């Protein structure tokens, strides 16, 4: 079994105090405690400060285009279902330009874990309004305060049919590590939205803010993570300031259904042409 240290890649260059350090170290610890070796894992990332995480792990990695981390990770998983695939990005990457990719992967139940580092701002480009910035938030692109209501990732995921919805906080590494372990074990699409404070450009959504305002789903009397409506309610009632596993549903992941699963044909066997036919087809375009 590889140690957490053996999952370390290049040295991170994030700002001192950035929440992404905990996102990374908790992931390294979770993979180690689950018994993985680096060659059994592939991390696909998007653009932004969060996108660098694929460089900082010693596993297979692919640093893709802005908003395209989820379809990239989907392709990796379908090409090699034996790999444990982790997708990572920021709130702008996953809930802005990449939102439609995220929602469709959720409804398809692609077997991957999507870690979104949500700092409520565009950090790499030095502090612009993001999809999760609160109404009234002042930034370089909203100097008078944002006129927009923020997007609600947890409720969107639940509405899209995501089979595992959780939220963590960089300031609570033990809980975050456990959330990762549960998400990676889950067979299907797992969303782990992580409040990962940007200490340089966001002076509102700070570590102190989250420590004062977050509540744990598990602490709510009678809360049942198998109840989608209850998950919707707690997300709405808390303004999405809730941590833990909100919802979990067991159903077959996409690759098992599509590749010889259920009553569907073995798609892979049908689309691969014999070598001679492949050469004949390619010759038409030579």
C-alpha atoms as a PDB file:
ATOM      1  CA  UNK A   1       0.000   0.000   0.000  1.00  0.00           C
ATOM      2  CA  UNK A   2       1.391   3.392  -0.977  1.00  0.00           C
ATOM      3  CA  UNK A   3       1.799   5.993   1.748  1.00  0.00           C
ATOM      4  CA  UNK A   4       0.341   9.481   1.480  1.00  0.00           C
ATOM      5  CA  UNK A   5       3.875  10.741   0.870  1.00  0.00           C
ATOM      6  CA  UNK A   6       4.206   8.418  -2.121  1.00  0.00           C
ATOM      7  CA  UNK A   7       1.216  10.183  -3.688  1.00  0.00           C
ATOM      8  CA  UNK A   8       3.059  13.505  -3.586  1.00  0.00           C
ATOM      9  CA  UNK A   9       3.940  14.987  -6.977  1.00  0.00           C
ATOM     10  CA  UNK A  10       5.456  18.379  -7.735  1.00  0.00           C
ATOM     11  CA  UNK A  11       5.579  20.987  -4.975  1.00  0.00           C
ATOM     12  CA  UNK A  12       2.448  23.192  -4.922  1.00  0.00           C
ATOM     13  CA  UNK A  13       2.838  26.893  -5.716  1.00  0.00           C
ATOM     14  CA  UNK A  14      -0.453  28.084  -4.217  1.00  0.00           C
ATOM     15  CA  UNK A  15      -0.571  31.165  -2.000  1.00  0.00           C
ATOM     16  CA  UNK A  16       0.331  30.429   1.644  1.00  0.00           C
ATOM     17  CA  UNK A  17      -2.871  29.585   3.503  1.00  0.00           C
ATOM     18  CA  UNK A  18      -4.829  28.571   0.390  1.00  0.00           C
ATOM     19  CA  UNK A  19      -7.506  25.975   1.128  1.00  0.00           C
ATOM     20  CA  UNK A  20      -6.305  23.892  -1.809  1.00  0.00           C
ATOM     21  CA  UNK A  21      -3.363  22.624   0.263  1.00  0.00           C
ATOM     22  CA  UNK A  22      -5.798  20.739   2.504  1.00  0.00           C
ATOM     23  CA  UNK A  23      -7.803  19.545  -0.504  1.00  0.00           C
ATOM     24  CA  UNK A  24      -4.621  17.984  -1.870  1.00  0.00           C
ATOM     25  CA  UNK A  25      -3.230  16.515   1.361  1.00  0.00           C
ATOM     26  CA  UNK A  26      -6.599  15.026   2.336  1.00  0.00           C
ATOM     27  CA  UNK A  27      -6.863  13.390  -1.080  1.00  0.00           C
ATOM     28  CA  UNK A  28      -3.362  11.914  -0.767  1.00  0.00           C
ATOM     29  CA  UNK A  29      -4.254  10.558   2.673  1.00  0.00           C
ATOM     30  CA  UNK A  30      -7.592   9.158   1.491  1.00  0.00           C
ATOM     31  CA  UNK A  31      -6.025   7.321  -1.452  1.00  0.00           C
ATOM     32  CA  UNK A  32      -3.376   5.854   0.827  1.00  0.00           C
ATOM     33  CA  UNK A  33      -5.872   4.732   3.463  1.00  0.00           C
ATOM     34  CA  UNK A  34      -8.035   3.122   0.764  1.00  0.00           C
ATOM     35  CA  UNK A  35      -5.033   1.019  -0.254  1.00  0.00           C
ATOM     36  CA  UNK A  36      -4.382   2.451  -3.708  1.00  0.00           C
ATOM     37  CA  UNK A  37      -1.116   2.586  -5.585  1.00  0.00           C
ATOM     38  CA  UNK A  38      -0.421   5.672  -7.746  1.00  0.00           C
ATOM     39  CA  UNK A  39      -0.716   3.694 -11.008  1.00  0.00           C
ATOM     40  CA  UNK A  40      -4.297   2.737 -10.126  1.00  0.00           C
ATOM     41  CA  UNK A  41      -5.482   6.351 -10.064  1.00  0.00           C
ATOM     42  CA  UNK A  42      -5.943   9.039 -12.719  1.00  0.00           C
ATOM     43  CA  UNK A  43      -6.635  12.668 -11.813  1.00  0.00           C
ATOM     44  CA  UNK A  44      -8.105  14.918 -14.511  1.00  0.00           C
ATOM     45  CA  UNK A  45      -8.193  18.646 -13.834  1.00  0.00           C
ATOM     46  CA  UNK A  46      -9.389  21.860 -15.415  1.00  0.00           C
ATOM     47  CA  UNK A  47      -8.064  25.420 -15.443  1.00  0.00           C
ATOM     48  CA  UNK A  48      -7.466  27.687 -12.473  1.00  0.00           C
ATOM     49  CA  UNK A  49      -5.527  27.375  -9.235  1.00  0.00           C
ATOM     50  CA  UNK A  50      -7.419  24.125  -8.620  1.00  0.00           C
ATOM     51  CA  UNK A  51      -6.331  22.718 -11.976  1.00  0.00           C
ATOM     52  CA  UNK A  52      -2.762  22.340 -10.773  1.00  0.00           C
ATOM     53  CA  UNK A  53      -3.752  19.533  -8.416  1.00  0.00           C
ATOM     54  CA  UNK A  54      -3.140  16.895 -11.107  1.00  0.00           C
ATOM     55  CA  UNK A  55       0.529  17.969 -11.149  1.00  0.00           C
ATOM     56  CA  UNK A  56       0.848  17.640  -7.392  1.00  0.00           C
ATOM     57  CA  UNK A  57      -0.124  13.961  -7.265  1.00  0.00           C
ATOM     58  CA  UNK A  58       2.171  11.162  -8.376  1.00  0.00           C
ATOM     59  CA  UNK A  59      -0.702   9.288 -10.029  1.00  0.00           C
ATOM     60  CA  UNK A  60      -1.617   9.440 -13.707  1.00  0.00           C
ATOM     61  CA  UNK A  61      -2.846  12.931 -14.493  1.00  0.00           C
ATOM     62  CA  UNK A  62      -4.239  15.075 -17.275  1.00  0.00           C
ATOM     63  CA  UNK A  63      -4.464  18.873 -17.087  1.00  0.00           C
ATOM     64  CA  UNK A  64      -7.227  19.700 -19.553  1.00  0.00           C
ATOM     65  CA  UNK A  65      -9.011  22.759 -20.902  1.00  0.00           C
ATOM     66  CA  UNK A  66     -11.204  25.219 -19.032  1.00  0.00           C
ATOM     67  CA  UNK A  67     -14.525  23.567 -18.179  1.00  0.00           C
ATOM     68  CA  UNK A  68     -13.631  20.281 -19.880  1.00  0.00           C
ATOM     69  CA  UNK A  69     -12.289  18.249 -16.958  1.00  0.00           C
ATOM     70  CA  UNK A  70     -15.499  16.200 -16.571  1.00  0.00           C
ATOM     71  CA  UNK A  71     -15.783  14.971 -20.193  1.00  0.00           C
ATOM     72  CA  UNK A  72     -12.055  14.258 -20.128  1.00  0.00           C
ATOM     73  CA  UNK A  73     -12.447  12.174 -16.971  1.00  0.00           C
ATOM     74  CA  UNK A  74     -15.480  10.460 -18.504  1.00  0.00           C
ATOM     75  CA  UNK A  75     -13.406   9.386 -21.497  1.00  0.00           C
ATOM     76  CA  UNK A  76     -10.637   8.047 -19.275  1.00  0.00           C
ATOM     77  CA  UNK A  77     -13.108   5.997 -17.210  1.00  0.00           C
ATOM     78  CA  UNK A  78     -14.883   4.536 -20.232  1.00  0.00           C
ATOM     79  CA  UNK A  79     -11.579   3.713 -21.920  1.00  0.00           C
ATOM     80  CA  UNK A  80     -10.190   2.011 -18.811  1.00  0.00           C
ATOM     81  CA  UNK A  81     -12.891   1.150 -16.245  1.00  0.00           C
ATOM     82  CA  UNK A  82     -10.258  -0.445 -14.003  1.00  0.00           C
ATOM     83  CA  UNK A  83      -8.793   2.969 -13.184  1.00  0.00           C
ATOM     84  CA  UNK A  84     -10.068   4.975 -10.243  1.00  0.00           C
ATOM     85  CA  UNK A  85     -10.780   8.326 -11.863  1.00  0.00           C
ATOM     86  CA  UNK A  86     -10.867  11.586  -9.927  1.00  0.00           C
ATOM     87  CA  UNK A  87     -11.878  14.842 -11.542  1.00  0.00           C
ATOM     88  CA  UNK A  88     -10.983  18.206 -10.014  1.00  0.00           C
ATOM     89  CA  UNK A  89     -11.644  21.849 -10.711  1.00  0.00           C
ATOM     90  CA  UNK A  90     -12.847  25.119  -9.283  1.00  0.00           C
ATOM     91  CA  UNK A  91     -16.273  26.700  -8.977  1.00  0.00           C
ATOM     92  CA  UNK A  92     -15.714  28.707 -12.167  1.00  0.00           C
ATOM     93  CA  UNK A  93     -14.493  25.639 -14.034  1.00  0.00           C
ATOM     94  CA  UNK A  94     -17.265  23.290 -12.937  1.00  0.00           C
ATOM     95  CA  UNK A  95     -20.238  25.603 -12.434  1.00  0.00           C
ATOM     96  CA  UNK A  96     -19.480  28.202 -15.108  1.00  0.00           C
ATOM     97  CA  UNK A  97     -18.136  27.147 -18.486  1.00  0.00           C
ATOM     98  CA  UNK A  98     -18.267  23.455 -17.547  1.00  0.00           C
ATOM     99  CA  UNK A  99     -21.711  23.333 -15.921  1.00  0.00           C
ATOM    100  CA  UNK A 100     -23.519  21.405 -18.665  1.00  0.00           C
ATOM    101  CA  UNK A 101     -20.767  18.777 -18.714  1.00  0.00           C
ATOM    102  CA  UNK A 102     -21.076  18.368 -14.951  1.00  0.00           C
ATOM    103  CA  UNK A 103     -24.861  17.967 -14.995  1.00  0.00           C
ATOM    104  CA  UNK A 104     -24.910  15.438 -17.831  1.00  0.00           C
ATOM    105  CA  UNK A 105     -22.187  13.332 -16.222  1.00  0.00           C
ATOM    106  CA  UNK A 106     -24.238  13.330 -13.015  1.00  0.00           C
ATOM    107  CA  UNK A 107     -27.417  12.122 -14.691  1.00  0.00           C
ATOM    108  CA  UNK A 108     -25.474   9.448 -16.578  1.00  0.00           C
ATOM    109  CA  UNK A 109     -23.911   8.310 -13.296  1.00  0.00           C
ATOM    110  CA  UNK A 110     -20.365   8.191 -14.630  1.00  0.00           C
ATOM    111  CA  UNK A 111     -18.199   6.359 -12.103  1.00  0.00           C
ATOM    112  CA  UNK A 112     -15.858   9.143 -11.049  1.00  0.00           C
ATOM    113  CA  UNK A 113     -15.311  11.430  -8.082  1.00  0.00           C
ATOM    114  CA  UNK A 114     -15.587  15.142  -8.836  1.00  0.00           C
ATOM    115  CA  UNK A 115     -13.858  17.400  -6.315  1.00  0.00           C
ATOM    116  CA  UNK A 116     -14.781  21.052  -6.778  1.00  0.00           C
ATOM    117  CA  UNK A 117     -12.625  23.576  -4.925  1.00  0.00           C
ATOM    118  CA  UNK A 118     -15.192  26.295  -4.276  1.00  0.00           C
ATOM    119  CA  UNK A 119     -13.619  29.582  -3.182  1.00  0.00           C
ATOM    120  CA  UNK A 120     -16.463  31.810  -4.450  1.00  0.00           C
ATOM    121  CA  UNK A 121     -14.092  33.744  -6.713  1.00  0.00           C
ATOM    122  CA  UNK A 122     -11.783  33.420  -9.724  1.00  0.00           C
ATOM    123  CA  UNK A 123      -8.444  33.257  -7.954  1.00  0.00           C
ATOM    124  CA  UNK A 124      -5.905  32.507 -10.692  1.00  0.00           C
ATOM    125  CA  UNK A 125      -7.032  35.545 -12.714  1.00  0.00           C
ATOM    126  CA  UNK A 126      -6.723  37.705  -9.574  1.00  0.00           C
ATOM    127  CA  UNK A 127     -10.198  38.082  -8.154  1.00  0.00           C
ATOM    128  CA  UNK A 128     -13.236  38.213 -10.422  1.00  0.00           C
ATOM    129  CA  UNK A 129     -16.874  37.310  -9.737  1.00  0.00           C
ATOM    130  CA  UNK A 130     -17.558  33.547  -9.946  1.00  0.00           C
ATOM    131  CA  UNK A 131     -20.807  31.567 -10.331  1.00  0.00           C
ATOM    132  CA  UNK A 132     -20.913  30.877  -6.576  1.00  0.00           C
ATOM    133  CA  UNK A 133     -20.164  34.440  -5.416  1.00  0.00           C
ATOM    134  CA  UNK A 134     -22.902  35.789  -3.189  1.00  0.00           C
ATOM    135  CA  UNK A 135     -25.244  38.565  -4.307  1.00  0.00           C
ATOM    136  CA  UNK A 136     -23.685  41.914  -3.434  1.00  0.00           C
ATOM    137  CA  UNK A 137     -20.135  40.484  -3.579  1.00  0.00           C
ATOM    138  CA  UNK A 138     -17.622  43.133  -4.659  1.00  0.00           C
ATOM    139  CA  UNK A 139     -14.838  42.112  -7.019  1.00  0.00           C
ATOM    140  CA  UNK A 140     -12.869  43.410  -9.993  1.00  0.00           C
ATOM    141  CA  UNK A 141     -15.781  42.555 -12.286  1.00  0.00           C
ATOM    142  CA  UNK A 142     -18.480  43.649  -9.813  1.00  0.00           C
ATOM    143  CA  UNK A 143     -17.081  46.790  -8.131  1.00  0.00           C
ATOM    144  CA  UNK A 144     -20.562  47.885  -7.002  1.00  0.00           C
ATOM    145  CA  UNK A 145     -21.514  44.410  -5.826  1.00  0.00           C
ATOM    146  CA  UNK A 146     -22.863  41.443  -7.761  1.00  0.00           C
ATOM    147  CA  UNK A 147     -26.410  41.809  -9.067  1.00  0.00           C
ATOM    148  CA  UNK A 148     -26.678  38.037  -9.533  1.00  0.00           C
ATOM    149  CA  UNK A 149     -27.937  35.320  -7.239  1.00  0.00           C
ATOM    150  CA  UNK A 150     -25.291  32.588  -6.816  1.00  0.00           C
ATOM    151  CA  UNK A 151     -25.630  29.219  -8.447  1.00  0.00           C
ATOM    152  CA  UNK A 152     -26.569  26.405  -6.029  1.00  0.00           C
ATOM    153  CA  UNK A 153     -24.322  23.413  -6.789  1.00  0.00           C
ATOM    154  CA  UNK A 154     -25.797  21.000  -4.237  1.00  0.00           C
ATOM    155  CA  UNK A 155     -29.380  21.556  -5.317  1.00  0.00           C
ATOM    156  CA  UNK A 156     -28.432  21.391  -9.001  1.00  0.00           C
ATOM    157  CA  UNK A 157     -26.635  18.094  -8.433  1.00  0.00           C
ATOM    158  CA  UNK A 158     -29.605  16.626  -6.593  1.00  0.00           C
ATOM    159  CA  UNK A 159     -31.998  17.758  -9.323  1.00  0.00           C
ATOM    160  CA  UNK A 160     -29.726  16.298 -12.013  1.00  0.00           C
ATOM    161  CA  UNK A 161     -29.852  12.845 -10.409  1.00  0.00           C
ATOM    162  CA  UNK A 162     -26.362  12.785  -8.900  1.00  0.00           C
ATOM    163  CA  UNK A 163     -26.065   9.569  -6.902  1.00  0.00           C
ATOM    164  CA  UNK A 164     -23.616  10.917  -4.285  1.00  0.00           C
ATOM    165  CA  UNK A 165     -23.668  14.531  -3.108  1.00  0.00           C
ATOM    166  CA  UNK A 166     -21.373  15.774  -0.345  1.00  0.00           C
ATOM    167  CA  UNK A 167     -19.775  18.985   0.827  1.00  0.00           C
ATOM    168  CA  UNK A 168     -16.635  19.557   2.854  1.00  0.00           C
ATOM    169  CA  UNK A 169     -14.422  22.338   4.173  1.00  0.00           C
ATOM    170  CA  UNK A 170     -10.651  22.746   3.970  1.00  0.00           C
ATOM    171  CA  UNK A 171     -10.624  23.793   7.615  1.00  0.00           C
ATOM    172  CA  UNK A 172     -11.876  20.349   8.695  1.00  0.00           C
ATOM    173  CA  UNK A 173      -9.315  17.939   7.196  1.00  0.00           C
ATOM    174  CA  UNK A 174     -10.379  14.802   9.092  1.00  0.00           C
ATOM    175  CA  UNK A 175     -13.972  15.120   7.933  1.00  0.00           C
ATOM    176  CA  UNK A 176     -12.846  16.000   4.398  1.00  0.00           C
ATOM    177  CA  UNK A 177     -10.596  12.931   4.195  1.00  0.00           C
ATOM    178  CA  UNK A 178     -13.497  10.713   5.246  1.00  0.00           C
ATOM    179  CA  UNK A 179     -15.786  12.320   2.653  1.00  0.00           C
ATOM    180  CA  UNK A 180     -13.222  11.561  -0.045  1.00  0.00           C
ATOM    181  CA  UNK A 181     -13.007   7.940   1.030  1.00  0.00           C
ATOM    182  CA  UNK A 182     -16.781   7.526   0.926  1.00  0.00           C
ATOM    183  CA  UNK A 183     -17.007   9.302  -2.438  1.00  0.00           C
ATOM    184  CA  UNK A 184     -14.259   7.202  -4.037  1.00  0.00           C
ATOM    185  CA  UNK A 185     -15.804   3.975  -2.736  1.00  0.00           C
ATOM    186  CA  UNK A 186     -19.158   4.948  -4.234  1.00  0.00           C
ATOM    187  CA  UNK A 187     -19.997   3.266  -7.537  1.00  0.00           C
ATOM    188  CA  UNK A 188     -21.254   6.136  -9.689  1.00  0.00           C
ATOM    189  CA  UNK A 189     -20.860   9.907  -9.912  1.00  0.00           C
ATOM    190  CA  UNK A 190     -19.709  11.458  -6.639  1.00  0.00           C
ATOM    191  CA  UNK A 191     -19.713  15.219  -6.173  1.00  0.00           C
ATOM    192  CA  UNK A 192     -17.661  16.604  -3.303  1.00  0.00           C
ATOM    193  CA  UNK A 193     -17.968  20.382  -3.216  1.00  0.00           C
ATOM    194  CA  UNK A 194     -15.245  21.773  -0.963  1.00  0.00           C
ATOM    195  CA  UNK A 195     -15.232  25.237   0.549  1.00  0.00           C
ATOM    196  CA  UNK A 196     -11.583  26.099  -0.072  1.00  0.00           C
ATOM    197  CA  UNK A 197     -10.957  29.715   0.970  1.00  0.00           C
ATOM    198  CA  UNK A 198      -8.941  32.029  -1.262  1.00  0.00           C
ATOM    199  CA  UNK A 199      -6.932  33.969   1.320  1.00  0.00           C
ATOM    200  CA  UNK A 200      -5.558  36.441  -1.235  1.00  0.00           C
ATOM    201  CA  UNK A 201      -8.595  37.740  -3.106  1.00  0.00           C
ATOM    202  CA  UNK A 202     -11.688  36.757  -1.103  1.00  0.00           C
ATOM    203  CA  UNK A 203     -11.882  38.525   2.244  1.00  0.00           C
ATOM    204  CA  UNK A 204     -15.537  37.588   2.822  1.00  0.00           C
ATOM    205  CA  UNK A 205     -15.717  33.786   2.540  1.00  0.00           C
ATOM    206  CA  UNK A 206     -12.828  33.172   4.928  1.00  0.00           C
ATOM    207  CA  UNK A 207     -11.931  30.274   7.236  1.00  0.00           C
ATOM    208  CA  UNK A 208     -13.547  32.221  10.074  1.00  0.00           C
ATOM    209  CA  UNK A 209     -16.726  32.762   8.061  1.00  0.00           C
ATOM    210  CA  UNK A 210     -17.153  29.060   7.368  1.00  0.00           C
ATOM    211  CA  UNK A 211     -16.287  28.008  10.919  1.00  0.00           C
ATOM    212  CA  UNK A 212     -18.996  30.300  12.233  1.00  0.00           C
ATOM    213  CA  UNK A 213     -21.692  29.438   9.693  1.00  0.00           C
ATOM    214  CA  UNK A 214     -21.326  25.806   8.601  1.00  0.00           C
ATOM    215  CA  UNK A 215     -23.567  23.082  10.033  1.00  0.00           C
ATOM    216  CA  UNK A 216     -23.128  19.317   9.753  1.00  0.00           C
ATOM    217  CA  UNK A 217     -25.824  17.308   8.010  1.00  0.00           C
ATOM    218  CA  UNK A 218     -25.198  14.390  10.372  1.00  0.00           C
ATOM    219  CA  UNK A 219     -26.037  16.589  13.376  1.00  0.00           C
ATOM    220  CA  UNK A 220     -29.537  17.319  12.149  1.00  0.00           C
ATOM    221  CA  UNK A 221     -32.132  15.196  14.040  1.00  0.00           C
ATOM    222  CA  UNK A 222     -33.402  12.253  12.005  1.00  0.00           C
ATOM    223  CA  UNK A 223     -31.475  13.225   8.883  1.00  0.00           C
ATOM    224  CA  UNK A 224     -31.426  10.419   6.284  1.00  0.00           C
ATOM    225  CA  UNK A 225     -28.885  10.689   3.409  1.00  0.00           C
ATOM    226  CA  UNK A 226     -31.036   8.271   1.376  1.00  0.00           C
ATOM    227  CA  UNK A 227     -33.827  10.877   1.179  1.00  0.00           C
ATOM    228  CA  UNK A 228     -33.340  13.178  -1.835  1.00  0.00           C
ATOM    229  CA  UNK A 229     -36.085  15.584  -0.747  1.00  0.00           C
ATOM    230  CA  UNK A 230     -34.549  15.854   2.726  1.00  0.00           C
ATOM    231  CA  UNK A 231     -31.210  16.649   1.101  1.00  0.00           C
ATOM    232  CA  UNK A 232     -32.839  19.361  -0.996  1.00  0.00           C
ATOM    233  CA  UNK A 233     -34.467  20.816   2.104  1.00  0.00           C
ATOM    234  CA  UNK A 234     -31.326  20.951   4.219  1.00  0.00           C
ATOM    235  CA  UNK A 235     -29.400  22.561   1.352  1.00  0.00           C
ATOM    236  CA  UNK A 236     -32.124  25.187   0.961  1.00  0.00           C
ATOM    237  CA  UNK A 237     -32.638  25.768   4.689  1.00  0.00           C
ATOM    238  CA  UNK A 238     -28.939  26.337   5.344  1.00  0.00           C
ATOM    239  CA  UNK A 239     -28.212  28.389   2.241  1.00  0.00           C
ATOM    240  CA  UNK A 240     -25.963  25.466   1.208  1.00  0.00           C
ATOM    241  CA  UNK A 241     -23.746  26.073   4.246  1.00  0.00           C
ATOM    242  CA  UNK A 242     -23.822  22.411   5.250  1.00  0.00           C
ATOM    243  CA  UNK A 243     -21.129  19.741   5.317  1.00  0.00           C
ATOM    244  CA  UNK A 244     -21.158  15.964   5.153  1.00  0.00           C
ATOM    245  CA  UNK A 245     -22.916  13.465   2.920  1.00  0.00           C
ATOM    246  CA  UNK A 246     -26.208  14.999   1.869  1.00  0.00           C
ATOM    247  CA  UNK A 247     -27.380  12.210  -0.408  1.00  0.00           C
ATOM    248  CA  UNK A 248     -26.321   8.719  -1.451  1.00  0.00           C
ATOM    249  CA  UNK A 249     -28.073   6.319  -3.809  1.00  0.00           C
ATOM    250  CA  UNK A 250     -26.843   2.973  -5.084  1.00  0.00           C
ATOM    251  CA  UNK A 251     -27.470   2.325  -8.769  1.00  0.00           C
ATOM    252  CA  UNK A 252     -25.345   0.838 -11.581  1.00  0.00           C
ATOM    253  CA  UNK A 253     -22.710   3.229 -12.983  1.00  0.00           C
ATOM    254  CA  UNK A 254     -22.797   4.181 -16.653  1.00  0.00           C
ATOM    255  CA  UNK A 255     -19.949   1.989 -17.871  1.00  0.00           C
ATOM    256  CA  UNK A 256     -21.474  -1.153 -16.367  1.00  0.00           C
ATOM    257  CA  UNK A 257     -24.814  -0.434 -18.020  1.00  0.00           C
ATOM    258  CA  UNK A 258     -23.359   0.461 -21.415  1.00  0.00           C
ATOM    259  CA  UNK A 259     -20.627  -2.143 -21.734  1.00  0.00           C
ATOM    260  CA  UNK A 260     -22.522  -5.415 -21.660  1.00  0.00           C
ATOM    261  CA  UNK A 261     -24.678  -4.487 -18.668  1.00  0.00           C
ATOM    262  CA  UNK A 262     -28.407  -5.055 -18.253  1.00  0.00           C
ATOM    263  CA  UNK A 263     -30.331  -5.592 -21.482  1.00  0.00           C
ATOM    264  CA  UNK A 264     -28.091  -3.311 -23.519  1.00  0.00           C
ATOM    265  CA  UNK A 265     -25.628  -4.678 -26.092  1.00  0.00           C
ATOM    266  CA  UNK A 266     -21.898  -4.800 -25.493  1.00  0.00           C
ATOM    267  CA  UNK A 267     -21.253  -1.499 -27.217  1.00  0.00           C
ATOM    268  CA  UNK A 268     -17.500  -1.855 -27.342  1.00  0.00           C
ATOM    269  CA  UNK A 269     -17.651  -5.098 -29.294  1.00  0.00           C
ATOM    270  CA  UNK A 270     -19.983  -3.568 -31.895  1.00  0.00           C
ATOM    271  CA  UNK A 271     -18.062  -0.376 -32.663  1.00  0.00           C
ATOM    272  CA  UNK A 272     -14.572  -1.851 -33.049  1.00  0.00           C
ATOM    273  CA  UNK A 273     -13.933  -2.854 -36.682  1.00  0.00           C
ATOM    274  CA  UNK A 274     -11.624  -5.702 -37.698  1.00  0.00           C
ATOM    275  CA  UNK A 275      -8.130  -4.487 -38.735  1.00  0.00           C
ATOM    276  CA  UNK A 276      -8.733  -5.043 -42.466  1.00  0.00           C
ATOM    277  CA  UNK A 277     -11.930  -2.981 -42.395  1.00  0.00           C
ATOM    278  CA  UNK A 278     -10.190  -0.251 -40.414  1.00  0.00           C
ATOM    279  CA  UNK A 279      -7.470  -0.002 -43.076  1.00  0.00           C
ATOM    280  CA  UNK A 280     -10.039   0.092 -45.864  1.00  0.00           C
ATOM    281  CA  UNK A 281     -11.939   2.872 -44.122  1.00  0.00           C
ATOM    282  CA  UNK A 282      -8.800   4.908 -43.497  1.00  0.00           C
ATOM    283  CA  UNK A 283      -7.712   4.460 -47.132  1.00  0.00           C
ATOM    284  CA  UNK A 284     -10.794   6.397 -48.243  1.00  0.00           C
ATOM    285  CA  UNK A 285      -9.396   9.501 -46.562  1.00  0.00           C
ATOM    286  CA  UNK A 286      -5.758   9.065 -47.545  1.00  0.00           C
END
